[in-house]
Amino acid sequence: MISALLSGYVQQKFSGPWFGGLSGVVYALMGYVWLRGERDPQSGIYLQRGLIIFALLWIVAGWLDWFGMSMANGAHIAGLIVGLAMAFVDTLNARKRT
């Protein structure tokens, strides 16, 4: 819910209210799973590095308009940041408990 609201808010600031989709949530999930797996391998949660590299390249491609189509760049970046922040906080708390 947090990633949907924040990524939608950021995208609205970039492009106005006429957009749709939940790709910011997808990027939040990818960011969370990737960082959680990197910081806490015993959790069993992981994302292959190749997939996160592809996702980052896709953000760059969208930002530079390589394909000539509209992308929700603000939502993608905001979602990724939210996911990374949540994973960082979760792994920080997990490390304190052990």
PDB file of N, CA and C in Angstrom:
ATOM      1  N   MET A   1       0.830  -1.175   0.000  1.00  0.00           N
ATOM      2  CA  MET A   1       0.000   0.000   0.000  1.00  0.00           C
ATOM      3  C   MET A   1       0.884   1.252   0.000  1.00  0.00           C
ATOM      4  N   ILE A   2       1.925   1.221   0.816  1.00  0.00           N
ATOM      5  CA  ILE A   2       2.830   2.372   0.896  1.00  0.00           C
ATOM      6  C   ILE A   2       3.482   2.632  -0.455  1.00  0.00           C
ATOM      7  N   SER A   3       3.975   1.583  -1.085  1.00  0.00           N
ATOM      8  CA  SER A   3       4.650   1.773  -2.372  1.00  0.00           C
ATOM      9  C   SER A   3       3.668   2.254  -3.436  1.00  0.00           C
ATOM     10  N   ALA A   4       2.444   1.783  -3.420  1.00  0.00           N
ATOM     11  CA  ALA A   4       1.448   2.231  -4.398  1.00  0.00           C
ATOM     12  C   ALA A   4       1.148   3.711  -4.224  1.00  0.00           C
ATOM     13  N   LEU A   5       0.962   4.127  -2.990  1.00  0.00           N
ATOM     14  CA  LEU A   5       0.645   5.533  -2.737  1.00  0.00           C
ATOM     15  C   LEU A   5       1.814   6.451  -3.070  1.00  0.00           C
ATOM     16  N   LEU A   6       2.997   6.093  -2.619  1.00  0.00           N
ATOM     17  CA  LEU A   6       4.148   6.965  -2.859  1.00  0.00           C
ATOM     18  C   LEU A   6       4.552   7.000  -4.327  1.00  0.00           C
ATOM     19  N   SER A   7       4.572   5.859  -4.980  1.00  0.00           N
ATOM     20  CA  SER A   7       4.959   5.867  -6.394  1.00  0.00           C
ATOM     21  C   SER A   7       3.903   6.580  -7.239  1.00  0.00           C
ATOM     22  N   GLY A   8       2.645   6.421  -6.908  1.00  0.00           N
ATOM     23  CA  GLY A   8       1.589   7.146  -7.610  1.00  0.00           C
ATOM     24  C   GLY A   8       1.678   8.641  -7.394  1.00  0.00           C
ATOM     25  N   TYR A   9       1.983   9.043  -6.172  1.00  0.00           N
ATOM     26  CA  TYR A   9       2.132  10.468  -5.869  1.00  0.00           C
ATOM     27  C   TYR A   9       3.289  11.075  -6.657  1.00  0.00           C
ATOM     28  N   VAL A  10       4.428  10.382  -6.669  1.00  0.00           N
ATOM     29  CA  VAL A  10       5.592  10.890  -7.401  1.00  0.00           C
ATOM     30  C   VAL A  10       5.290  10.967  -8.893  1.00  0.00           C
ATOM     31  N   GLN A  11       4.664   9.941  -9.446  1.00  0.00           N
ATOM     32  CA  GLN A  11       4.346   9.967 -10.878  1.00  0.00           C
ATOM     33  C   GLN A  11       3.379  11.094 -11.199  1.00  0.00           C
ATOM     34  N   GLN A  12       2.439  11.355 -10.309  1.00  0.00           N
ATOM     35  CA  GLN A  12       1.499  12.458 -10.521  1.00  0.00           C
ATOM     36  C   GLN A  12       2.233  13.790 -10.567  1.00  0.00           C
ATOM     37  N   LYS A  13       3.270  13.937  -9.766  1.00  0.00           N
ATOM     38  CA  LYS A  13       4.073  15.163  -9.785  1.00  0.00           C
ATOM     39  C   LYS A  13       4.843  15.299 -11.100  1.00  0.00           C
ATOM     40  N   PHE A  14       5.250  14.177 -11.690  1.00  0.00           N
ATOM     41  CA  PHE A  14       5.996  14.197 -12.949  1.00  0.00           C
ATOM     42  C   PHE A  14       5.089  14.457 -14.151  1.00  0.00           C
ATOM     43  N   SER A  15       3.940  13.776 -14.200  1.00  0.00           N
ATOM     44  CA  SER A  15       3.157  13.790 -15.440  1.00  0.00           C
ATOM     45  C   SER A  15       1.722  14.272 -15.290  1.00  0.00           C
ATOM     46  N   GLY A  16       1.317  14.640 -14.097  1.00  0.00           N
ATOM     47  CA  GLY A  16      -0.066  15.016 -13.888  1.00  0.00           C
ATOM     48  C   GLY A  16      -0.911  13.805 -13.519  1.00  0.00           C
ATOM     49  N   PRO A  17      -2.213  14.014 -13.392  1.00  0.00           N
ATOM     50  CA  PRO A  17      -3.073  12.943 -12.875  1.00  0.00           C
ATOM     51  C   PRO A  17      -3.454  11.869 -13.887  1.00  0.00           C
ATOM     52  N   TRP A  18      -3.118  12.013 -15.151  1.00  0.00           N
ATOM     53  CA  TRP A  18      -3.579  11.068 -16.167  1.00  0.00           C
ATOM     54  C   TRP A  18      -2.557   9.976 -16.430  1.00  0.00           C
ATOM     55  N   PHE A  19      -2.512   9.018 -15.554  1.00  0.00           N
ATOM     56  CA  PHE A  19      -1.652   7.847 -15.707  1.00  0.00           C
ATOM     57  C   PHE A  19      -2.321   6.693 -14.978  1.00  0.00           C
ATOM     58  N   GLY A  20      -1.854   5.521 -15.233  1.00  0.00           N
ATOM     59  CA  GLY A  20      -2.426   4.367 -14.556  1.00  0.00           C
ATOM     60  C   GLY A  20      -1.430   3.233 -14.493  1.00  0.00           C
ATOM     61  N   GLY A  21      -1.664   2.326 -13.579  1.00  0.00           N
ATOM     62  CA  GLY A  21      -0.806   1.160 -13.467  1.00  0.00           C
ATOM     63  C   GLY A  21      -0.204   1.020 -12.087  1.00  0.00           C
ATOM     64  N   LEU A  22       0.383  -0.126 -11.877  1.00  0.00           N
ATOM     65  CA  LEU A  22       1.012  -0.426 -10.593  1.00  0.00           C
ATOM     66  C   LEU A  22       2.466  -0.836 -10.768  1.00  0.00           C
ATOM     67  N   SER A  23       3.116  -0.331 -11.805  1.00  0.00           N
ATOM     68  CA  SER A  23       4.506  -0.718 -12.039  1.00  0.00           C
ATOM     69  C   SER A  23       5.425  -0.236 -10.926  1.00  0.00           C
ATOM     70  N   GLY A  24       5.057   0.846 -10.238  1.00  0.00           N
ATOM     71  CA  GLY A  24       5.847   1.287  -9.094  1.00  0.00           C
ATOM     72  C   GLY A  24       5.854   0.242  -7.987  1.00  0.00           C
ATOM     73  N   VAL A  25       4.738  -0.448  -7.828  1.00  0.00           N
ATOM     74  CA  VAL A  25       4.646  -1.515  -6.831  1.00  0.00           C
ATOM     75  C   VAL A  25       5.522  -2.697  -7.247  1.00  0.00           C
ATOM     76  N   VAL A  26       5.552  -2.992  -8.535  1.00  0.00           N
ATOM     77  CA  VAL A  26       6.407  -4.076  -9.032  1.00  0.00           C
ATOM     78  C   VAL A  26       7.874  -3.749  -8.763  1.00  0.00           C
ATOM     79  N   TYR A  27       8.269  -2.511  -9.022  1.00  0.00           N
ATOM     80  CA  TYR A  27       9.649  -2.110  -8.751  1.00  0.00           C
ATOM     81  C   TYR A  27       9.944  -2.124  -7.252  1.00  0.00           C
ATOM     82  N   ALA A  28       8.959  -1.766  -6.429  1.00  0.00           N
ATOM     83  CA  ALA A  28       9.151  -1.839  -4.979  1.00  0.00           C
ATOM     84  C   ALA A  28       9.378  -3.283  -4.546  1.00  0.00           C
ATOM     85  N   LEU A  29       8.591  -4.186  -5.088  1.00  0.00           N
ATOM     86  CA  LEU A  29       8.745  -5.601  -4.753  1.00  0.00           C
ATOM     87  C   LEU A  29      10.104  -6.127  -5.206  1.00  0.00           C
ATOM     88  N   MET A  30      10.513  -5.764  -6.420  1.00  0.00           N
ATOM     89  CA  MET A  30      11.826  -6.214  -6.905  1.00  0.00           C
ATOM     90  C   MET A  30      12.951  -5.644  -6.047  1.00  0.00           C
ATOM     91  N   GLY A  31      12.865  -4.369  -5.704  1.00  0.00           N
ATOM     92  CA  GLY A  31      13.891  -3.761  -4.866  1.00  0.00           C
ATOM     93  C   GLY A  31      13.955  -4.407  -3.494  1.00  0.00           C
ATOM     94  N   TYR A  32      12.780  -4.684  -2.927  1.00  0.00           N
ATOM     95  CA  TYR A  32      12.731  -5.316  -1.609  1.00  0.00           C
ATOM     96  C   TYR A  32      13.349  -6.708  -1.639  1.00  0.00           C
ATOM     97  N   VAL A  33      12.898  -7.521  -2.580  1.00  0.00           N
ATOM     98  CA  VAL A  33      13.375  -8.908  -2.652  1.00  0.00           C
ATOM     99  C   VAL A  33      14.876  -8.944  -2.916  1.00  0.00           C
ATOM    100  N   TRP A  34      15.363  -8.087  -3.808  1.00  0.00           N
ATOM    101  CA  TRP A  34      16.792  -8.075  -4.123  1.00  0.00           C
ATOM    102  C   TRP A  34      17.628  -7.684  -2.904  1.00  0.00           C
ATOM    103  N   LEU A  35      17.297  -6.561  -2.253  1.00  0.00           N
ATOM    104  CA  LEU A  35      18.114  -6.118  -1.121  1.00  0.00           C
ATOM    105  C   LEU A  35      17.961  -7.047   0.072  1.00  0.00           C
ATOM    106  N   ARG A  36      16.782  -7.571   0.289  1.00  0.00           N
ATOM    107  CA  ARG A  36      16.576  -8.522   1.390  1.00  0.00           C
ATOM    108  C   ARG A  36      17.452  -9.755   1.189  1.00  0.00           C
ATOM    109  N   GLY A  37      17.505 -10.244  -0.026  1.00  0.00           N
ATOM    110  CA  GLY A  37      18.349 -11.399  -0.322  1.00  0.00           C
ATOM    111  C   GLY A  37      19.824 -11.102  -0.182  1.00  0.00           C
ATOM    112  N   GLU A  38      20.239  -9.887  -0.531  1.00  0.00           N
ATOM    113  CA  GLU A  38      21.644  -9.508  -0.408  1.00  0.00           C
ATOM    114  C   GLU A  38      22.057  -9.351   1.053  1.00  0.00           C
ATOM    115  N   ARG A  39      21.188  -8.765   1.859  1.00  0.00           N
ATOM    116  CA  ARG A  39      21.531  -8.477   3.254  1.00  0.00           C
ATOM    117  C   ARG A  39      21.202  -9.617   4.210  1.00  0.00           C
ATOM    118  N   ASP A  40      20.288 -10.495   3.822  1.00  0.00           N
ATOM    119  CA  ASP A  40      19.870 -11.594   4.696  1.00  0.00           C
ATOM    120  C   ASP A  40      19.669 -12.863   3.868  1.00  0.00           C
ATOM    121  N   PRO A  41      20.767 -13.471   3.401  1.00  0.00           N
ATOM    122  CA  PRO A  41      20.649 -14.646   2.527  1.00  0.00           C
ATOM    123  C   PRO A  41      19.914 -15.818   3.177  1.00  0.00           C
ATOM    124  N   GLN A  42      19.945 -15.917   4.500  1.00  0.00           N
ATOM    125  CA  GLN A  42      19.276 -17.021   5.190  1.00  0.00           C
ATOM    126  C   GLN A  42      17.754 -16.909   5.122  1.00  0.00           C
ATOM    127  N   SER A  43      17.234 -15.766   4.714  1.00  0.00           N
ATOM    128  CA  SER A  43      15.781 -15.594   4.648  1.00  0.00           C
ATOM    129  C   SER A  43      15.152 -16.449   3.549  1.00  0.00           C
ATOM    130  N   GLY A  44      15.964 -16.863   2.579  1.00  0.00           N
ATOM    131  CA  GLY A  44      15.435 -17.640   1.465  1.00  0.00           C
ATOM    132  C   GLY A  44      14.780 -16.790   0.393  1.00  0.00           C
ATOM    133  N   ILE A  45      14.799 -15.483   0.590  1.00  0.00           N
ATOM    134  CA  ILE A  45      14.234 -14.553  -0.388  1.00  0.00           C
ATOM    135  C   ILE A  45      15.382 -14.008  -1.214  1.00  0.00           C
ATOM    136  N   TYR A  46      15.270 -14.114  -2.533  1.00  0.00           N
ATOM    137  CA  TYR A  46      16.338 -13.556  -3.367  1.00  0.00           C
ATOM    138  C   TYR A  46      15.811 -13.265  -4.766  1.00  0.00           C
ATOM    139  N   LEU A  47      16.529 -12.408  -5.445  1.00  0.00           N
ATOM    140  CA  LEU A  47      16.241 -12.087  -6.833  1.00  0.00           C
ATOM    141  C   LEU A  47      17.557 -12.161  -7.579  1.00  0.00           C
ATOM    142  N   GLN A  48      17.557 -12.827  -8.689  1.00  0.00           N
ATOM    143  CA  GLN A  48      18.790 -12.952  -9.449  1.00  0.00           C
ATOM    144  C   GLN A  48      19.290 -11.568  -9.857  1.00  0.00           C
ATOM    145  N   ARG A  49      20.589 -11.375  -9.757  1.00  0.00           N
ATOM    146  CA  ARG A  49      21.168 -10.072 -10.071  1.00  0.00           C
ATOM    147  C   ARG A  49      20.892  -9.647 -11.500  1.00  0.00           C
ATOM    148  N   GLY A  50      20.852 -10.599 -12.414  1.00  0.00           N
ATOM    149  CA  GLY A  50      20.571 -10.265 -13.807  1.00  0.00           C
ATOM    150  C   GLY A  50      19.219  -9.589 -13.981  1.00  0.00           C
ATOM    151  N   LEU A  51      18.231 -10.004 -13.188  1.00  0.00           N
ATOM    152  CA  LEU A  51      16.904  -9.414 -13.287  1.00  0.00           C
ATOM    153  C   LEU A  51      16.891  -7.985 -12.755  1.00  0.00           C
ATOM    154  N   ILE A  52      17.585  -7.739 -11.660  1.00  0.00           N
ATOM    155  CA  ILE A  52      17.621  -6.377 -11.126  1.00  0.00           C
ATOM    156  C   ILE A  52      18.422  -5.469 -12.054  1.00  0.00           C
ATOM    157  N   ILE A  53      19.463  -5.998 -12.679  1.00  0.00           N
ATOM    158  CA  ILE A  53      20.228  -5.201 -13.651  1.00  0.00           C
ATOM    159  C   ILE A  53      19.336  -4.844 -14.840  1.00  0.00           C
ATOM    160  N   PHE A  54      18.564  -5.817 -15.329  1.00  0.00           N
ATOM    161  CA  PHE A  54      17.631  -5.534 -16.422  1.00  0.00           C
ATOM    162  C   PHE A  54      16.623  -4.464 -16.012  1.00  0.00           C
ATOM    163  N   ALA A  55      16.095  -4.555 -14.800  1.00  0.00           N
ATOM    164  CA  ALA A  55      15.117  -3.572 -14.330  1.00  0.00           C
ATOM    165  C   ALA A  55      15.732  -2.176 -14.269  1.00  0.00           C
ATOM    166  N   LEU A  56      16.974  -2.088 -13.813  1.00  0.00           N
ATOM    167  CA  LEU A  56      17.648  -0.788 -13.758  1.00  0.00           C
ATOM    168  C   LEU A  56      17.922  -0.247 -15.159  1.00  0.00           C
ATOM    169  N   LEU A  57      18.304  -1.127 -16.069  1.00  0.00           N
ATOM    170  CA  LEU A  57      18.506  -0.693 -17.456  1.00  0.00           C
ATOM    171  C   LEU A  57      17.192  -0.227 -18.081  1.00  0.00           C
ATOM    172  N   TRP A  58      16.097  -0.874 -17.719  1.00  0.00           N
ATOM    173  CA  TRP A  58      14.792  -0.471 -18.227  1.00  0.00           C
ATOM    174  C   TRP A  58      14.424   0.924 -17.727  1.00  0.00           C
ATOM    175  N   ILE A  59      14.768   1.232 -16.473  1.00  0.00           N
ATOM    176  CA  ILE A  59      14.534   2.581 -15.953  1.00  0.00           C
ATOM    177  C   ILE A  59      15.338   3.594 -16.763  1.00  0.00           C
ATOM    178  N   VAL A  60      16.603   3.281 -17.013  1.00  0.00           N
ATOM    179  CA  VAL A  60      17.450   4.185 -17.801  1.00  0.00           C
ATOM    180  C   VAL A  60      16.877   4.355 -19.209  1.00  0.00           C
ATOM    181  N   ALA A  61      16.459   3.258 -19.828  1.00  0.00           N
ATOM    182  CA  ALA A  61      15.883   3.323 -21.173  1.00  0.00           C
ATOM    183  C   ALA A  61      14.629   4.194 -21.192  1.00  0.00           C
ATOM    184  N   GLY A  62      13.811   4.067 -20.166  1.00  0.00           N
ATOM    185  CA  GLY A  62      12.612   4.893 -20.083  1.00  0.00           C
ATOM    186  C   GLY A  62      12.931   6.350 -19.855  1.00  0.00           C
ATOM    187  N   TRP A  63      13.909   6.603 -19.007  1.00  0.00           N
ATOM    188  CA  TRP A  63      14.291   7.980 -18.691  1.00  0.00           C
ATOM    189  C   TRP A  63      14.867   8.678 -19.924  1.00  0.00           C
ATOM    190  N   LEU A  64      15.657   7.951 -20.700  1.00  0.00           N
ATOM    191  CA  LEU A  64      16.289   8.531 -21.888  1.00  0.00           C
ATOM    192  C   LEU A  64      15.404   8.429 -23.130  1.00  0.00           C
ATOM    193  N   ASP A  65      14.215   7.852 -22.978  1.00  0.00           N
ATOM    194  CA  ASP A  65      13.235   7.732 -24.055  1.00  0.00           C
ATOM    195  C   ASP A  65      13.802   6.996 -25.265  1.00  0.00           C
ATOM    196  N   TRP A  66      14.499   5.901 -25.018  1.00  0.00           N
ATOM    197  CA  TRP A  66      15.112   5.120 -26.084  1.00  0.00           C
ATOM    198  C   TRP A  66      14.090   4.469 -27.007  1.00  0.00           C
ATOM    199  N   PHE A  67      12.931   4.140 -26.484  1.00  0.00           N
ATOM    200  CA  PHE A  67      11.949   3.406 -27.276  1.00  0.00           C
ATOM    201  C   PHE A  67      10.788   4.274 -27.749  1.00  0.00           C
ATOM    202  N   GLY A  68      10.805   5.541 -27.422  1.00  0.00           N
ATOM    203  CA  GLY A  68       9.781   6.462 -27.887  1.00  0.00           C
ATOM    204  C   GLY A  68       8.388   6.204 -27.346  1.00  0.00           C
ATOM    205  N   MET A  69       8.292   5.628 -26.163  1.00  0.00           N
ATOM    206  CA  MET A  69       6.978   5.398 -25.571  1.00  0.00           C
ATOM    207  C   MET A  69       6.970   5.947 -24.150  1.00  0.00           C
ATOM    208  N   SER A  70       5.805   6.322 -23.698  1.00  0.00           N
ATOM    209  CA  SER A  70       5.678   6.896 -22.359  1.00  0.00           C
ATOM    210  C   SER A  70       5.844   5.810 -21.308  1.00  0.00           C
ATOM    211  N   MET A  71       6.686   6.102 -20.334  1.00  0.00           N
ATOM    212  CA  MET A  71       6.867   5.194 -19.199  1.00  0.00           C
ATOM    213  C   MET A  71       6.721   5.992 -17.914  1.00  0.00           C
ATOM    214  N   ALA A  72       6.281   5.333 -16.886  1.00  0.00           N
ATOM    215  CA  ALA A  72       6.088   5.974 -15.587  1.00  0.00           C
ATOM    216  C   ALA A  72       7.414   5.998 -14.827  1.00  0.00           C
ATOM    217  N   ASN A  73       8.343   6.792 -15.321  1.00  0.00           N
ATOM    218  CA  ASN A  73       9.681   6.819 -14.741  1.00  0.00           C
ATOM    219  C   ASN A  73       9.672   7.209 -13.267  1.00  0.00           C
ATOM    220  N   GLY A  74       8.885   8.205 -12.918  1.00  0.00           N
ATOM    221  CA  GLY A  74       8.804   8.621 -11.521  1.00  0.00           C
ATOM    222  C   GLY A  74       8.285   7.512 -10.623  1.00  0.00           C
ATOM    223  N   ALA A  75       7.269   6.807 -11.085  1.00  0.00           N
ATOM    224  CA  ALA A  75       6.708   5.697 -10.306  1.00  0.00           C
ATOM    225  C   ALA A  75       7.716   4.569 -10.164  1.00  0.00           C
ATOM    226  N   HIS A  76       8.443   4.271 -11.227  1.00  0.00           N
ATOM    227  CA  HIS A  76       9.438   3.196 -11.173  1.00  0.00           C
ATOM    228  C   HIS A  76      10.530   3.515 -10.158  1.00  0.00           C
ATOM    229  N   ILE A  77      11.063   4.713 -10.235  1.00  0.00           N
ATOM    230  CA  ILE A  77      12.150   5.092  -9.326  1.00  0.00           C
ATOM    231  C   ILE A  77      11.651   5.186  -7.890  1.00  0.00           C
ATOM    232  N   ALA A  78      10.492   5.808  -7.693  1.00  0.00           N
ATOM    233  CA  ALA A  78       9.946   5.914  -6.337  1.00  0.00           C
ATOM    234  C   ALA A  78       9.652   4.535  -5.760  1.00  0.00           C
ATOM    235  N   GLY A  79       9.068   3.659  -6.551  1.00  0.00           N
ATOM    236  CA  GLY A  79       8.788   2.304  -6.077  1.00  0.00           C
ATOM    237  C   GLY A  79      10.048   1.563  -5.700  1.00  0.00           C
ATOM    238  N   LEU A  80      11.068   1.673  -6.537  1.00  0.00           N
ATOM    239  CA  LEU A  80      12.340   1.013  -6.240  1.00  0.00           C
ATOM    240  C   LEU A  80      12.930   1.528  -4.930  1.00  0.00           C
ATOM    241  N   ILE A  81      12.905   2.831  -4.732  1.00  0.00           N
ATOM    242  CA  ILE A  81      13.446   3.419  -3.500  1.00  0.00           C
ATOM    243  C   ILE A  81      12.650   2.954  -2.284  1.00  0.00           C
ATOM    244  N   VAL A  82      11.332   2.912  -2.398  1.00  0.00           N
ATOM    245  CA  VAL A  82      10.495   2.440  -1.285  1.00  0.00           C
ATOM    246  C   VAL A  82      10.824   0.991  -0.948  1.00  0.00           C
ATOM    247  N   GLY A  83      10.932   0.144  -1.954  1.00  0.00           N
ATOM    248  CA  GLY A  83      11.259  -1.262  -1.716  1.00  0.00           C
ATOM    249  C   GLY A  83      12.622  -1.443  -1.073  1.00  0.00           C
ATOM    250  N   LEU A  84      13.610  -0.699  -1.561  1.00  0.00           N
ATOM    251  CA  LEU A  84      14.954  -0.775  -0.975  1.00  0.00           C
ATOM    252  C   LEU A  84      14.945  -0.299   0.475  1.00  0.00           C
ATOM    253  N   ALA A  85      14.226   0.783   0.740  1.00  0.00           N
ATOM    254  CA  ALA A  85      14.158   1.310   2.110  1.00  0.00           C
ATOM    255  C   ALA A  85      13.480   0.314   3.050  1.00  0.00           C
ATOM    256  N   MET A  86      12.404  -0.304   2.599  1.00  0.00           N
ATOM    257  CA  MET A  86      11.703  -1.285   3.440  1.00  0.00           C
ATOM    258  C   MET A  86      12.582  -2.495   3.728  1.00  0.00           C
ATOM    259  N   ALA A  87      13.300  -2.966   2.719  1.00  0.00           N
ATOM    260  CA  ALA A  87      14.194  -4.110   2.928  1.00  0.00           C
ATOM    261  C   ALA A  87      15.321  -3.742   3.874  1.00  0.00           C
ATOM    262  N   PHE A  88      15.847  -2.536   3.738  1.00  0.00           N
ATOM    263  CA  PHE A  88      16.929  -2.102   4.622  1.00  0.00           C
ATOM    264  C   PHE A  88      16.452  -2.076   6.068  1.00  0.00           C
ATOM    265  N   VAL A  89      15.284  -1.498   6.298  1.00  0.00           N
ATOM    266  CA  VAL A  89      14.740  -1.433   7.660  1.00  0.00           C
ATOM    267  C   VAL A  89      14.456  -2.836   8.190  1.00  0.00           C
ATOM    268  N   ASP A  90      13.854  -3.691   7.382  1.00  0.00           N
ATOM    269  CA  ASP A  90      13.558  -5.059   7.827  1.00  0.00           C
ATOM    270  C   ASP A  90      14.820  -5.834   8.177  1.00  0.00           C
ATOM    271  N   THR A  91      15.854  -5.717   7.358  1.00  0.00           N
ATOM    272  CA  THR A  91      17.086  -6.459   7.644  1.00  0.00           C
ATOM    273  C   THR A  91      17.839  -5.838   8.805  1.00  0.00           C
ATOM    274  N   LEU A  92      17.715  -4.555   8.985  1.00  0.00           N
ATOM    275  CA  LEU A  92      18.339  -3.897  10.134  1.00  0.00           C
ATOM    276  C   LEU A  92      17.701  -4.408  11.421  1.00  0.00           C
ATOM    277  N   ASN A  93      16.383  -4.492  11.436  1.00  0.00           N
ATOM    278  CA  ASN A  93      15.671  -5.005  12.607  1.00  0.00           C
ATOM    279  C   ASN A  93      15.971  -6.481  12.834  1.00  0.00           C
ATOM    280  N   ALA A  94      16.088  -7.264  11.771  1.00  0.00           N
ATOM    281  CA  ALA A  94      16.391  -8.693  11.904  1.00  0.00           C
ATOM    282  C   ALA A  94      17.778  -8.893  12.494  1.00  0.00           C
ATOM    283  N   ARG A  95      18.721  -8.061  12.107  1.00  0.00           N
ATOM    284  CA  ARG A  95      20.084  -8.180  12.634  1.00  0.00           C
ATOM    285  C   ARG A  95      20.146  -7.807  14.113  1.00  0.00           C
ATOM    286  N   LYS A  96      19.313  -6.876  14.541  1.00  0.00           N
ATOM    287  CA  LYS A  96      19.295  -6.483  15.951  1.00  0.00           C
ATOM    288  C   LYS A  96      18.734  -7.599  16.828  1.00  0.00           C
ATOM    289  N   ARG A  97      17.790  -8.378  16.282  1.00  0.00           N
ATOM    290  CA  ARG A  97      17.174  -9.453  17.063  1.00  0.00           C
ATOM    291  C   ARG A  97      18.102 -10.634  17.261  1.00  0.00           C
ATOM    292  N   THR A  98      19.069 -10.808  16.374  1.00  0.00           N
ATOM    293  CA  THR A  98      19.947 -11.977  16.487  1.00  0.00           C
ATOM    294  C   THR A  98      21.199 -11.657  17.251  1.00  0.00           C
TER     295      THR A  98
END
